Every structure is written in C-alpha cells, then in structure tokens.
C-alpha cells in the first residue's frame, strides 16, 4: 500500500524522502487508509490535478474532490500543484473548473507564456508564515519586472472578450483529441489518446486507459512513441520526443494548423502500420 520511495537524482539524499508517505494516484480508498494511519504525522497532502509528467493522466471522477474531503476531515493541508495546469485551463486554473479550494497552490509555466516564472498562493493564515522569522522565501528574481509584465500581458490577452483565448485553445485541443481517436479507431491500431482541452498525449498500448504511473511504466511503449515523434518531425510536425510530456495548443495556432497536424498524424499512423510497427 506504501510504494517504494526512490530519489529522482543522485544529488538528493535518501533522508530527504524519509518523511514522505507515497500513495498510488487515482485510488481514494488507499489514500484514505494511509491518511488515517499517519494522521498525526502529516503536514499536508500534495498532488497535481492532472498527472503531467507521465503524459496526461486525468483524475478519475470524484478523485480530487474526495482527496480534498479527506484532507479537511483529517485536519491536513491540501496543496494543489498547478505548475503545469495553472493558467493553461482558464484564468481560475484547473481548481476552478473542478470546484476545488486548496489551502495552498503552486503555479508556473503557462503563467509566464514562455518566460521563467513561478508563484505560490494560499489562504492568508498560511501565506503569513512566509514573513520574516518564519518560513522564508528568498529569491534574487522575486517579482522580477520582465516576467511579471509578460505574465500580466499574457493573462490580459487570454481573458479578454470573456476568455476567448481559453475557449480557443480548448477547442483546438478537443479537435486534435477527437480527430486522433477517430483515426485510431478507423485504422484499428493499438494507440490511445488521453487528454482534456489544451493538454493531450498519445500512448502506444493495448490498454483502454493509463490510470497511474505504474500503468505508464508497464504498458506504455515509449520506443514506439519516440518512433512516432521522429516520423512526425520528418513530416514537419514538431512534438515532444518524450512520452512523459504532453502536447498543448497556444493562442497563435489556428484550426487550419490543427487540421494539417491531424492529416500528418493520420499519414504517420498509416506508415507505422504498413511497416509492421503497429
């Protein structure tokens, strides 16, 4: 029930993870058991709303709401990591769409529209802890003018005309998700597309869904994905070469761009099938 803890890099001492309790994602039953077991030791529960470092793994229905409930019932802080999803799904971020109200949230990436920026937000009682003499947050580039100005312009552009920018990238994402699924169905190939709105990823697998990191490790064929990515690049469509990342439209993309992309993806799938890769 408590997965093996592993450091991600050689520079991270093992003792840094000894105070962590790791739970399988998308499983409320195990989460609740673990929280009750460690209730008096836990400072917080932290999660992404979408698992974004293994492609795009969406939360099961009720999972995030249940996680928030469990945290509240056991007097444990709920921290939502929206570094990837924040300001990509809307001006209220993913938490607004899901009806979540975390105690602390983290943001980055899409907020800065390509510039390095990060932000922490939370309830006043917790943010007050970052004052002098408490939890310190130093940074040479804290509130640096250029990324703050770019973030402001970015949000202004995305939210004008009643958030037309966000509607646009949602429509493009759904266009590619639905179009790709139809192509996959027509060709009868072992590939799935997971995503919602402006985030998606392709998995080369016989499974109907990739639900957690264990599914990704065991059932997603990363070599076939890399072959797919290289073939797309040769046809003029740039995508990430890592199956653990994801694809996102931006404001400058058009429906014509995505129709062309879908044609390239279809031709690539056909080529891989004819070569016996699929």
C-alpha atoms as a PDB file:
ATOM      1  CA  UNK A   1       0.000   0.000   0.000  1.00  0.00           C
ATOM      2  CA  UNK A   2       3.005   2.275   0.589  1.00  0.00           C
ATOM      3  CA  UNK A   3       5.042   2.277  -2.662  1.00  0.00           C
ATOM      4  CA  UNK A   4       8.837   2.126  -2.616  1.00  0.00           C
ATOM      5  CA  UNK A   5      10.333   5.605  -2.301  1.00  0.00           C
ATOM      6  CA  UNK A   6      13.059   6.454  -4.796  1.00  0.00           C
ATOM      7  CA  UNK A   7      15.087   9.627  -5.169  1.00  0.00           C
ATOM      8  CA  UNK A   8      14.961  11.057  -8.683  1.00  0.00           C
ATOM      9  CA  UNK A   9      18.589  12.143  -8.899  1.00  0.00           C
ATOM     10  CA  UNK A  10      21.952  11.273  -7.377  1.00  0.00           C
ATOM     11  CA  UNK A  11      22.207  14.670  -5.688  1.00  0.00           C
ATOM     12  CA  UNK A  12      19.150  14.102  -3.486  1.00  0.00           C
ATOM     13  CA  UNK A  13      19.990  12.453  -0.146  1.00  0.00           C
ATOM     14  CA  UNK A  14      17.850   9.445   0.737  1.00  0.00           C
ATOM     15  CA  UNK A  15      16.870  11.026   4.067  1.00  0.00           C
ATOM     16  CA  UNK A  16      15.027  13.785   2.199  1.00  0.00           C
ATOM     17  CA  UNK A  17      12.266  11.345   1.279  1.00  0.00           C
ATOM     18  CA  UNK A  18      12.025   9.555   4.604  1.00  0.00           C
ATOM     19  CA  UNK A  19       9.338  11.982   5.765  1.00  0.00           C
ATOM     20  CA  UNK A  20       7.151  11.324   2.732  1.00  0.00           C
ATOM     21  CA  UNK A  21       4.199   8.959   2.507  1.00  0.00           C
ATOM     22  CA  UNK A  22       3.634   7.979  -1.129  1.00  0.00           C
ATOM     23  CA  UNK A  23       0.186   6.859  -2.279  1.00  0.00           C
ATOM     24  CA  UNK A  24      -0.886   5.406  -5.638  1.00  0.00           C
ATOM     25  CA  UNK A  25      -2.673   8.089  -7.615  1.00  0.00           C
ATOM     26  CA  UNK A  26      -6.356   7.841  -8.555  1.00  0.00           C
ATOM     27  CA  UNK A  27      -7.119   5.478  -5.643  1.00  0.00           C
ATOM     28  CA  UNK A  28      -9.177   7.160  -2.915  1.00  0.00           C
ATOM     29  CA  UNK A  29      -9.553   4.003  -0.840  1.00  0.00           C
ATOM     30  CA  UNK A  30      -5.802   3.593  -0.338  1.00  0.00           C
ATOM     31  CA  UNK A  31      -5.339   7.332   0.176  1.00  0.00           C
ATOM     32  CA  UNK A  32      -7.913   7.446   2.945  1.00  0.00           C
ATOM     33  CA  UNK A  33      -6.372   4.438   4.705  1.00  0.00           C
ATOM     34  CA  UNK A  34      -2.902   5.981   4.525  1.00  0.00           C
ATOM     35  CA  UNK A  35      -4.066   9.368   5.807  1.00  0.00           C
ATOM     36  CA  UNK A  36      -5.878   7.808   8.755  1.00  0.00           C
ATOM     37  CA  UNK A  37      -2.828   5.648   9.504  1.00  0.00           C
ATOM     38  CA  UNK A  38      -0.446   8.644   9.513  1.00  0.00           C
ATOM     39  CA  UNK A  39      -2.948  11.326  10.514  1.00  0.00           C
ATOM     40  CA  UNK A  40      -0.933  12.768  13.387  1.00  0.00           C
ATOM     41  CA  UNK A  41       2.294  12.855  11.366  1.00  0.00           C
ATOM     42  CA  UNK A  42       1.076  14.500   8.161  1.00  0.00           C
ATOM     43  CA  UNK A  43       1.563  18.206   7.466  1.00  0.00           C
ATOM     44  CA  UNK A  44      -0.076  18.201   4.041  1.00  0.00           C
ATOM     45  CA  UNK A  45      -1.306  16.242   1.043  1.00  0.00           C
ATOM     46  CA  UNK A  46       0.145  17.466  -2.243  1.00  0.00           C
ATOM     47  CA  UNK A  47      -0.916  16.398  -5.736  1.00  0.00           C
ATOM     48  CA  UNK A  48      -1.210  17.590  -9.307  1.00  0.00           C
ATOM     49  CA  UNK A  49      -4.794  17.805 -10.586  1.00  0.00           C
ATOM     50  CA  UNK A  50      -3.608  16.027 -13.741  1.00  0.00           C
ATOM     51  CA  UNK A  51      -0.541  13.776 -13.740  1.00  0.00           C
ATOM     52  CA  UNK A  52       1.568  15.677 -16.249  1.00  0.00           C
ATOM     53  CA  UNK A  53       4.999  14.054 -16.008  1.00  0.00           C
ATOM     54  CA  UNK A  54       3.804  10.750 -17.413  1.00  0.00           C
ATOM     55  CA  UNK A  55       1.959  12.305 -20.330  1.00  0.00           C
ATOM     56  CA  UNK A  56      -1.609  13.247 -19.434  1.00  0.00           C
ATOM     57  CA  UNK A  57      -3.367  11.109 -16.824  1.00  0.00           C
ATOM     58  CA  UNK A  58      -6.720  12.553 -15.844  1.00  0.00           C
ATOM     59  CA  UNK A  59      -8.196  12.144 -12.364  1.00  0.00           C
ATOM     60  CA  UNK A  60     -10.996   9.627 -12.049  1.00  0.00           C
ATOM     61  CA  UNK A  61     -14.427  11.072 -11.381  1.00  0.00           C
ATOM     62  CA  UNK A  62     -14.612  12.288  -7.791  1.00  0.00           C
ATOM     63  CA  UNK A  63     -10.933  11.637  -7.035  1.00  0.00           C
ATOM     64  CA  UNK A  64      -9.797  15.224  -6.434  1.00  0.00           C
ATOM     65  CA  UNK A  65     -12.980  16.143  -4.605  1.00  0.00           C
ATOM     66  CA  UNK A  66     -12.559  13.087  -2.402  1.00  0.00           C
ATOM     67  CA  UNK A  67      -8.909  13.944  -1.751  1.00  0.00           C
ATOM     68  CA  UNK A  68      -9.900  17.436  -0.652  1.00  0.00           C
ATOM     69  CA  UNK A  69     -12.574  15.999   1.656  1.00  0.00           C
ATOM     70  CA  UNK A  70     -10.141  13.541   3.236  1.00  0.00           C
ATOM     71  CA  UNK A  71      -7.620  16.323   3.894  1.00  0.00           C
ATOM     72  CA  UNK A  72     -10.244  18.517   5.544  1.00  0.00           C
ATOM     73  CA  UNK A  73     -11.727  15.731   7.662  1.00  0.00           C
ATOM     74  CA  UNK A  74      -8.287  14.809   8.981  1.00  0.00           C
ATOM     75  CA  UNK A  75      -7.057  18.377   9.545  1.00  0.00           C
ATOM     76  CA  UNK A  76      -4.309  18.076   6.924  1.00  0.00           C
ATOM     77  CA  UNK A  77      -3.421  20.871   4.496  1.00  0.00           C
ATOM     78  CA  UNK A  78      -4.394  20.347   0.860  1.00  0.00           C
ATOM     79  CA  UNK A  79      -1.715  21.608  -1.565  1.00  0.00           C
ATOM     80  CA  UNK A  80      -2.524  21.613  -5.280  1.00  0.00           C
ATOM     81  CA  UNK A  81       0.454  21.618  -7.649  1.00  0.00           C
ATOM     82  CA  UNK A  82      -0.762  23.575 -10.668  1.00  0.00           C
ATOM     83  CA  UNK A  83       2.691  24.312 -12.078  1.00  0.00           C
ATOM     84  CA  UNK A  84       1.637  22.599 -15.327  1.00  0.00           C
ATOM     85  CA  UNK A  85      -2.151  23.096 -15.352  1.00  0.00           C
ATOM     86  CA  UNK A  86      -2.329  26.559 -13.787  1.00  0.00           C
ATOM     87  CA  UNK A  87      -3.487  29.285 -16.194  1.00  0.00           C
ATOM     88  CA  UNK A  88      -3.470  26.729 -19.008  1.00  0.00           C
ATOM     89  CA  UNK A  89      -7.064  25.634 -18.455  1.00  0.00           C
ATOM     90  CA  UNK A  90      -8.501  29.015 -17.552  1.00  0.00           C
ATOM     91  CA  UNK A  91      -7.956  32.144 -15.519  1.00  0.00           C
ATOM     92  CA  UNK A  92      -9.241  30.262 -12.461  1.00  0.00           C
ATOM     93  CA  UNK A  93      -6.909  27.349 -13.309  1.00  0.00           C
ATOM     94  CA  UNK A  94      -7.916  23.688 -13.076  1.00  0.00           C
ATOM     95  CA  UNK A  95      -9.064  24.067  -9.480  1.00  0.00           C
ATOM     96  CA  UNK A  96     -11.800  26.459 -10.524  1.00  0.00           C
ATOM     97  CA  UNK A  97     -13.098  24.037 -13.161  1.00  0.00           C
ATOM     98  CA  UNK A  98     -13.066  21.165 -10.658  1.00  0.00           C
ATOM     99  CA  UNK A  99     -14.640  23.151  -7.828  1.00  0.00           C
ATOM    100  CA  UNK A 100     -11.594  22.718  -5.595  1.00  0.00           C
ATOM    101  CA  UNK A 101     -10.496  25.089  -2.840  1.00  0.00           C
ATOM    102  CA  UNK A 102      -6.938  24.116  -1.841  1.00  0.00           C
ATOM    103  CA  UNK A 103      -5.148  25.627   1.127  1.00  0.00           C
ATOM    104  CA  UNK A 104      -2.032  26.337  -0.953  1.00  0.00           C
ATOM    105  CA  UNK A 105      -1.449  26.306  -4.725  1.00  0.00           C
ATOM    106  CA  UNK A 106       1.686  26.488  -6.850  1.00  0.00           C
ATOM    107  CA  UNK A 107       1.909  27.894 -10.371  1.00  0.00           C
ATOM    108  CA  UNK A 108       4.452  28.366 -13.177  1.00  0.00           C
ATOM    109  CA  UNK A 109       4.969  27.529 -16.861  1.00  0.00           C
ATOM    110  CA  UNK A 110       1.855  28.823 -18.706  1.00  0.00           C
ATOM    111  CA  UNK A 111       1.605  31.805 -16.371  1.00  0.00           C
ATOM    112  CA  UNK A 112       4.785  33.298 -17.858  1.00  0.00           C
ATOM    113  CA  UNK A 113       3.987  32.493 -21.513  1.00  0.00           C
ATOM    114  CA  UNK A 114       7.498  31.114 -22.011  1.00  0.00           C
ATOM    115  CA  UNK A 115       9.370  33.248 -19.502  1.00  0.00           C
ATOM    116  CA  UNK A 116      10.617  31.699 -16.241  1.00  0.00           C
ATOM    117  CA  UNK A 117       8.112  32.484 -13.529  1.00  0.00           C
ATOM    118  CA  UNK A 118       6.600  30.740 -10.528  1.00  0.00           C
ATOM    119  CA  UNK A 119       4.036  31.700  -7.923  1.00  0.00           C
ATOM    120  CA  UNK A 120       2.613  30.445  -4.640  1.00  0.00           C
ATOM    121  CA  UNK A 121      -0.881  31.343  -3.473  1.00  0.00           C
ATOM    122  CA  UNK A 122      -2.917  30.299  -0.487  1.00  0.00           C
ATOM    123  CA  UNK A 123      -5.092  31.197   2.429  1.00  0.00           C
ATOM    124  CA  UNK A 124      -3.909  34.275   4.311  1.00  0.00           C
ATOM    125  CA  UNK A 125      -3.236  32.376   7.522  1.00  0.00           C
ATOM    126  CA  UNK A 126      -0.709  30.167   5.731  1.00  0.00           C
ATOM    127  CA  UNK A 127       0.834  32.829   3.497  1.00  0.00           C
ATOM    128  CA  UNK A 128       1.531  34.905   6.609  1.00  0.00           C
ATOM    129  CA  UNK A 129       4.010  32.197   7.610  1.00  0.00           C
ATOM    130  CA  UNK A 130       6.326  33.469   4.850  1.00  0.00           C
ATOM    131  CA  UNK A 131       7.024  36.685   6.752  1.00  0.00           C
ATOM    132  CA  UNK A 132      10.363  37.405   8.423  1.00  0.00           C
ATOM    133  CA  UNK A 133      11.358  34.955  11.095  1.00  0.00           C
ATOM    134  CA  UNK A 134       9.036  32.211   9.889  1.00  0.00           C
ATOM    135  CA  UNK A 135       9.164  30.286   6.600  1.00  0.00           C
ATOM    136  CA  UNK A 136      11.464  32.346   4.387  1.00  0.00           C
ATOM    137  CA  UNK A 137      11.184  32.603   0.609  1.00  0.00           C
ATOM    138  CA  UNK A 138      14.293  34.273  -0.773  1.00  0.00           C
ATOM    139  CA  UNK A 139      14.929  34.805  -4.465  1.00  0.00           C
ATOM    140  CA  UNK A 140      17.147  37.113  -6.497  1.00  0.00           C
ATOM    141  CA  UNK A 141      14.447  37.271  -9.161  1.00  0.00           C
ATOM    142  CA  UNK A 142      11.421  37.506  -6.881  1.00  0.00           C
ATOM    143  CA  UNK A 143       8.919  39.850  -8.561  1.00  0.00           C
ATOM    144  CA  UNK A 144      11.345  40.498 -11.439  1.00  0.00           C
ATOM    145  CA  UNK A 145       9.783  43.129 -13.694  1.00  0.00           C
ATOM    146  CA  UNK A 146      10.005  41.453 -17.111  1.00  0.00           C
ATOM    147  CA  UNK A 147       8.310  38.106 -16.286  1.00  0.00           C
ATOM    148  CA  UNK A 148       5.709  39.921 -14.175  1.00  0.00           C
ATOM    149  CA  UNK A 149       4.874  42.253 -17.074  1.00  0.00           C
ATOM    150  CA  UNK A 150       4.760  39.363 -19.548  1.00  0.00           C
ATOM    151  CA  UNK A 151       2.520  37.371 -17.205  1.00  0.00           C
ATOM    152  CA  UNK A 152       0.181  40.350 -16.937  1.00  0.00           C
ATOM    153  CA  UNK A 153       0.011  40.788 -20.724  1.00  0.00           C
ATOM    154  CA  UNK A 154      -0.466  37.032 -21.143  1.00  0.00           C
ATOM    155  CA  UNK A 155      -3.427  36.933 -18.784  1.00  0.00           C
ATOM    156  CA  UNK A 156      -4.887  40.099 -20.324  1.00  0.00           C
ATOM    157  CA  UNK A 157      -4.795  38.529 -23.790  1.00  0.00           C
ATOM    158  CA  UNK A 158      -6.170  35.162 -22.693  1.00  0.00           C
ATOM    159  CA  UNK A 159      -9.077  36.612 -20.717  1.00  0.00           C
ATOM    160  CA  UNK A 160     -10.248  39.428 -22.994  1.00  0.00           C
ATOM    161  CA  UNK A 161     -13.593  39.038 -24.776  1.00  0.00           C
ATOM    162  CA  UNK A 162     -14.874  36.830 -21.963  1.00  0.00           C
ATOM    163  CA  UNK A 163     -11.877  34.442 -22.024  1.00  0.00           C
ATOM    164  CA  UNK A 164     -11.949  33.915 -25.794  1.00  0.00           C
ATOM    165  CA  UNK A 165      -8.298  32.843 -25.730  1.00  0.00           C
ATOM    166  CA  UNK A 166      -9.015  29.978 -23.367  1.00  0.00           C
ATOM    167  CA  UNK A 167     -12.034  28.884 -25.400  1.00  0.00           C
ATOM    168  CA  UNK A 168      -9.825  28.862 -28.488  1.00  0.00           C
ATOM    169  CA  UNK A 169      -7.126  26.563 -27.076  1.00  0.00           C
ATOM    170  CA  UNK A 170      -9.763  24.276 -25.533  1.00  0.00           C
ATOM    171  CA  UNK A 171     -11.425  23.915 -28.944  1.00  0.00           C
ATOM    172  CA  UNK A 172      -8.117  23.160 -30.647  1.00  0.00           C
ATOM    173  CA  UNK A 173      -7.179  20.558 -28.061  1.00  0.00           C
ATOM    174  CA  UNK A 174     -10.529  18.801 -28.304  1.00  0.00           C
ATOM    175  CA  UNK A 175     -10.300  18.939 -32.096  1.00  0.00           C
ATOM    176  CA  UNK A 176      -6.997  17.051 -32.041  1.00  0.00           C
ATOM    177  CA  UNK A 177      -8.093  14.605 -29.324  1.00  0.00           C
ATOM    178  CA  UNK A 178     -11.356  13.659 -31.022  1.00  0.00           C
ATOM    179  CA  UNK A 179      -9.867  13.647 -34.514  1.00  0.00           C
ATOM    180  CA  UNK A 180      -6.972  11.418 -33.452  1.00  0.00           C
ATOM    181  CA  UNK A 181      -9.312   8.999 -31.690  1.00  0.00           C
ATOM    182  CA  UNK A 182     -11.380   8.657 -34.848  1.00  0.00           C
ATOM    183  CA  UNK A 183      -8.273   7.993 -36.949  1.00  0.00           C
ATOM    184  CA  UNK A 184      -7.075   5.361 -34.445  1.00  0.00           C
ATOM    185  CA  UNK A 185     -10.494   3.680 -34.490  1.00  0.00           C
ATOM    186  CA  UNK A 186     -10.639   3.662 -38.296  1.00  0.00           C
ATOM    187  CA  UNK A 187      -7.151   2.158 -38.591  1.00  0.00           C
ATOM    188  CA  UNK A 188      -7.683  -0.334 -35.765  1.00  0.00           C
ATOM    189  CA  UNK A 189      -4.289   0.313 -34.167  1.00  0.00           C
ATOM    190  CA  UNK A 190      -3.223  -0.122 -30.511  1.00  0.00           C
ATOM    191  CA  UNK A 191      -2.935   3.541 -29.584  1.00  0.00           C
ATOM    192  CA  UNK A 192      -4.934   5.704 -27.204  1.00  0.00           C
ATOM    193  CA  UNK A 193      -5.140   9.458 -26.768  1.00  0.00           C
ATOM    194  CA  UNK A 194      -5.607  10.852 -23.283  1.00  0.00           C
ATOM    195  CA  UNK A 195      -6.319  14.444 -22.514  1.00  0.00           C
ATOM    196  CA  UNK A 196      -8.819  17.147 -21.896  1.00  0.00           C
ATOM    197  CA  UNK A 197      -8.931  20.544 -23.554  1.00  0.00           C
ATOM    198  CA  UNK A 198      -5.466  22.050 -24.096  1.00  0.00           C
ATOM    199  CA  UNK A 199      -3.392  19.065 -22.884  1.00  0.00           C
ATOM    200  CA  UNK A 200      -3.083  15.666 -24.567  1.00  0.00           C
ATOM    201  CA  UNK A 201      -0.729  12.752 -25.130  1.00  0.00           C
ATOM    202  CA  UNK A 202      -0.577   9.563 -27.222  1.00  0.00           C
ATOM    203  CA  UNK A 203       0.123   6.171 -25.659  1.00  0.00           C
ATOM    204  CA  UNK A 204       1.056   3.101 -27.675  1.00  0.00           C
ATOM    205  CA  UNK A 205      -0.682   0.397 -25.659  1.00  0.00           C
ATOM    206  CA  UNK A 206      -3.328  -2.321 -25.779  1.00  0.00           C
ATOM    207  CA  UNK A 207      -4.910  -0.934 -22.612  1.00  0.00           C
ATOM    208  CA  UNK A 208      -8.022   1.195 -22.742  1.00  0.00           C
ATOM    209  CA  UNK A 209      -6.542   3.760 -20.347  1.00  0.00           C
ATOM    210  CA  UNK A 210      -3.352   4.664 -18.500  1.00  0.00           C
ATOM    211  CA  UNK A 211      -4.516   5.476 -14.970  1.00  0.00           C
ATOM    212  CA  UNK A 212      -1.324   5.923 -12.955  1.00  0.00           C
ATOM    213  CA  UNK A 213       2.468   5.839 -13.079  1.00  0.00           C
ATOM    214  CA  UNK A 214       2.527   2.050 -12.796  1.00  0.00           C
ATOM    215  CA  UNK A 215       0.341   1.674 -15.875  1.00  0.00           C
ATOM    216  CA  UNK A 216       2.627   4.103 -17.689  1.00  0.00           C
ATOM    217  CA  UNK A 217       5.782   2.230 -16.676  1.00  0.00           C
ATOM    218  CA  UNK A 218       4.417  -1.204 -17.580  1.00  0.00           C
ATOM    219  CA  UNK A 219       2.066  -0.718 -20.515  1.00  0.00           C
ATOM    220  CA  UNK A 220       3.069   2.439 -22.453  1.00  0.00           C
ATOM    221  CA  UNK A 221       5.550   1.613 -25.251  1.00  0.00           C
ATOM    222  CA  UNK A 222       7.974   4.562 -25.131  1.00  0.00           C
ATOM    223  CA  UNK A 223      10.073   3.322 -28.071  1.00  0.00           C
ATOM    224  CA  UNK A 224       7.063   3.293 -30.383  1.00  0.00           C
ATOM    225  CA  UNK A 225       6.151   6.764 -29.198  1.00  0.00           C
ATOM    226  CA  UNK A 226       9.654   8.025 -29.995  1.00  0.00           C
ATOM    227  CA  UNK A 227       9.416   6.481 -33.459  1.00  0.00           C
ATOM    228  CA  UNK A 228       6.083   8.266 -33.885  1.00  0.00           C
ATOM    229  CA  UNK A 229       7.583  11.592 -32.770  1.00  0.00           C
ATOM    230  CA  UNK A 230      10.572  11.259 -35.133  1.00  0.00           C
ATOM    231  CA  UNK A 231       8.332  10.459 -38.093  1.00  0.00           C
ATOM    232  CA  UNK A 232       6.130  13.464 -37.311  1.00  0.00           C
ATOM    233  CA  UNK A 233       9.205  15.683 -37.179  1.00  0.00           C
ATOM    234  CA  UNK A 234      10.336  14.403 -40.583  1.00  0.00           C
ATOM    235  CA  UNK A 235       6.929  15.405 -41.948  1.00  0.00           C
ATOM    236  CA  UNK A 236       7.241  18.904 -40.484  1.00  0.00           C
ATOM    237  CA  UNK A 237       5.199  18.497 -37.299  1.00  0.00           C
ATOM    238  CA  UNK A 238       7.193  19.218 -34.150  1.00  0.00           C
ATOM    239  CA  UNK A 239       6.111  17.370 -30.997  1.00  0.00           C
ATOM    240  CA  UNK A 240       7.895  16.447 -27.790  1.00  0.00           C
ATOM    241  CA  UNK A 241      10.080  13.362 -28.109  1.00  0.00           C
ATOM    242  CA  UNK A 242       9.251  12.324 -24.537  1.00  0.00           C
ATOM    243  CA  UNK A 243       6.167  10.224 -23.911  1.00  0.00           C
ATOM    244  CA  UNK A 244       6.243  11.572 -20.361  1.00  0.00           C
ATOM    245  CA  UNK A 245       5.457  15.104 -21.535  1.00  0.00           C
ATOM    246  CA  UNK A 246       2.419  16.378 -23.427  1.00  0.00           C
ATOM    247  CA  UNK A 247       1.137  18.477 -26.328  1.00  0.00           C
ATOM    248  CA  UNK A 248      -0.508  21.873 -25.863  1.00  0.00           C
ATOM    249  CA  UNK A 249      -2.002  24.354 -28.340  1.00  0.00           C
ATOM    250  CA  UNK A 250      -1.302  28.057 -27.982  1.00  0.00           C
ATOM    251  CA  UNK A 251      -3.174  31.222 -28.883  1.00  0.00           C
ATOM    252  CA  UNK A 252      -1.357  31.591 -32.211  1.00  0.00           C
ATOM    253  CA  UNK A 253      -2.418  28.186 -33.500  1.00  0.00           C
ATOM    254  CA  UNK A 254      -5.389  28.048 -35.859  1.00  0.00           C
ATOM    255  CA  UNK A 255      -7.932  25.384 -36.739  1.00  0.00           C
ATOM    256  CA  UNK A 256      -6.217  25.131 -40.126  1.00  0.00           C
ATOM    257  CA  UNK A 257      -2.925  24.361 -38.350  1.00  0.00           C
ATOM    258  CA  UNK A 258      -4.559  21.586 -36.377  1.00  0.00           C
ATOM    259  CA  UNK A 259      -6.365  20.161 -39.402  1.00  0.00           C
ATOM    260  CA  UNK A 260      -2.968  19.913 -41.116  1.00  0.00           C
ATOM    261  CA  UNK A 261      -1.465  18.353 -37.983  1.00  0.00           C
ATOM    262  CA  UNK A 262      -4.230  15.757 -37.882  1.00  0.00           C
ATOM    263  CA  UNK A 263      -3.572  14.816 -41.526  1.00  0.00           C
ATOM    264  CA  UNK A 264       0.136  14.387 -40.746  1.00  0.00           C
ATOM    265  CA  UNK A 265      -0.680  12.242 -37.699  1.00  0.00           C
ATOM    266  CA  UNK A 266      -3.013  10.056 -39.781  1.00  0.00           C
ATOM    267  CA  UNK A 267      -0.371   9.572 -42.508  1.00  0.00           C
ATOM    268  CA  UNK A 268       2.218   8.708 -39.856  1.00  0.00           C
ATOM    269  CA  UNK A 269      -0.023   6.111 -38.230  1.00  0.00           C
ATOM    270  CA  UNK A 270      -0.650   4.557 -41.663  1.00  0.00           C
ATOM    271  CA  UNK A 271       3.079   4.414 -42.343  1.00  0.00           C
ATOM    272  CA  UNK A 272       3.797   2.792 -38.967  1.00  0.00           C
ATOM    273  CA  UNK A 273       1.054   0.231 -39.601  1.00  0.00           C
ATOM    274  CA  UNK A 274       2.376  -0.586 -43.068  1.00  0.00           C
ATOM    275  CA  UNK A 275       5.866  -1.072 -41.598  1.00  0.00           C
ATOM    276  CA  UNK A 276       4.517  -3.529 -39.035  1.00  0.00           C
ATOM    277  CA  UNK A 277       5.290  -1.243 -36.082  1.00  0.00           C
ATOM    278  CA  UNK A 278       1.588  -1.109 -35.211  1.00  0.00           C
END
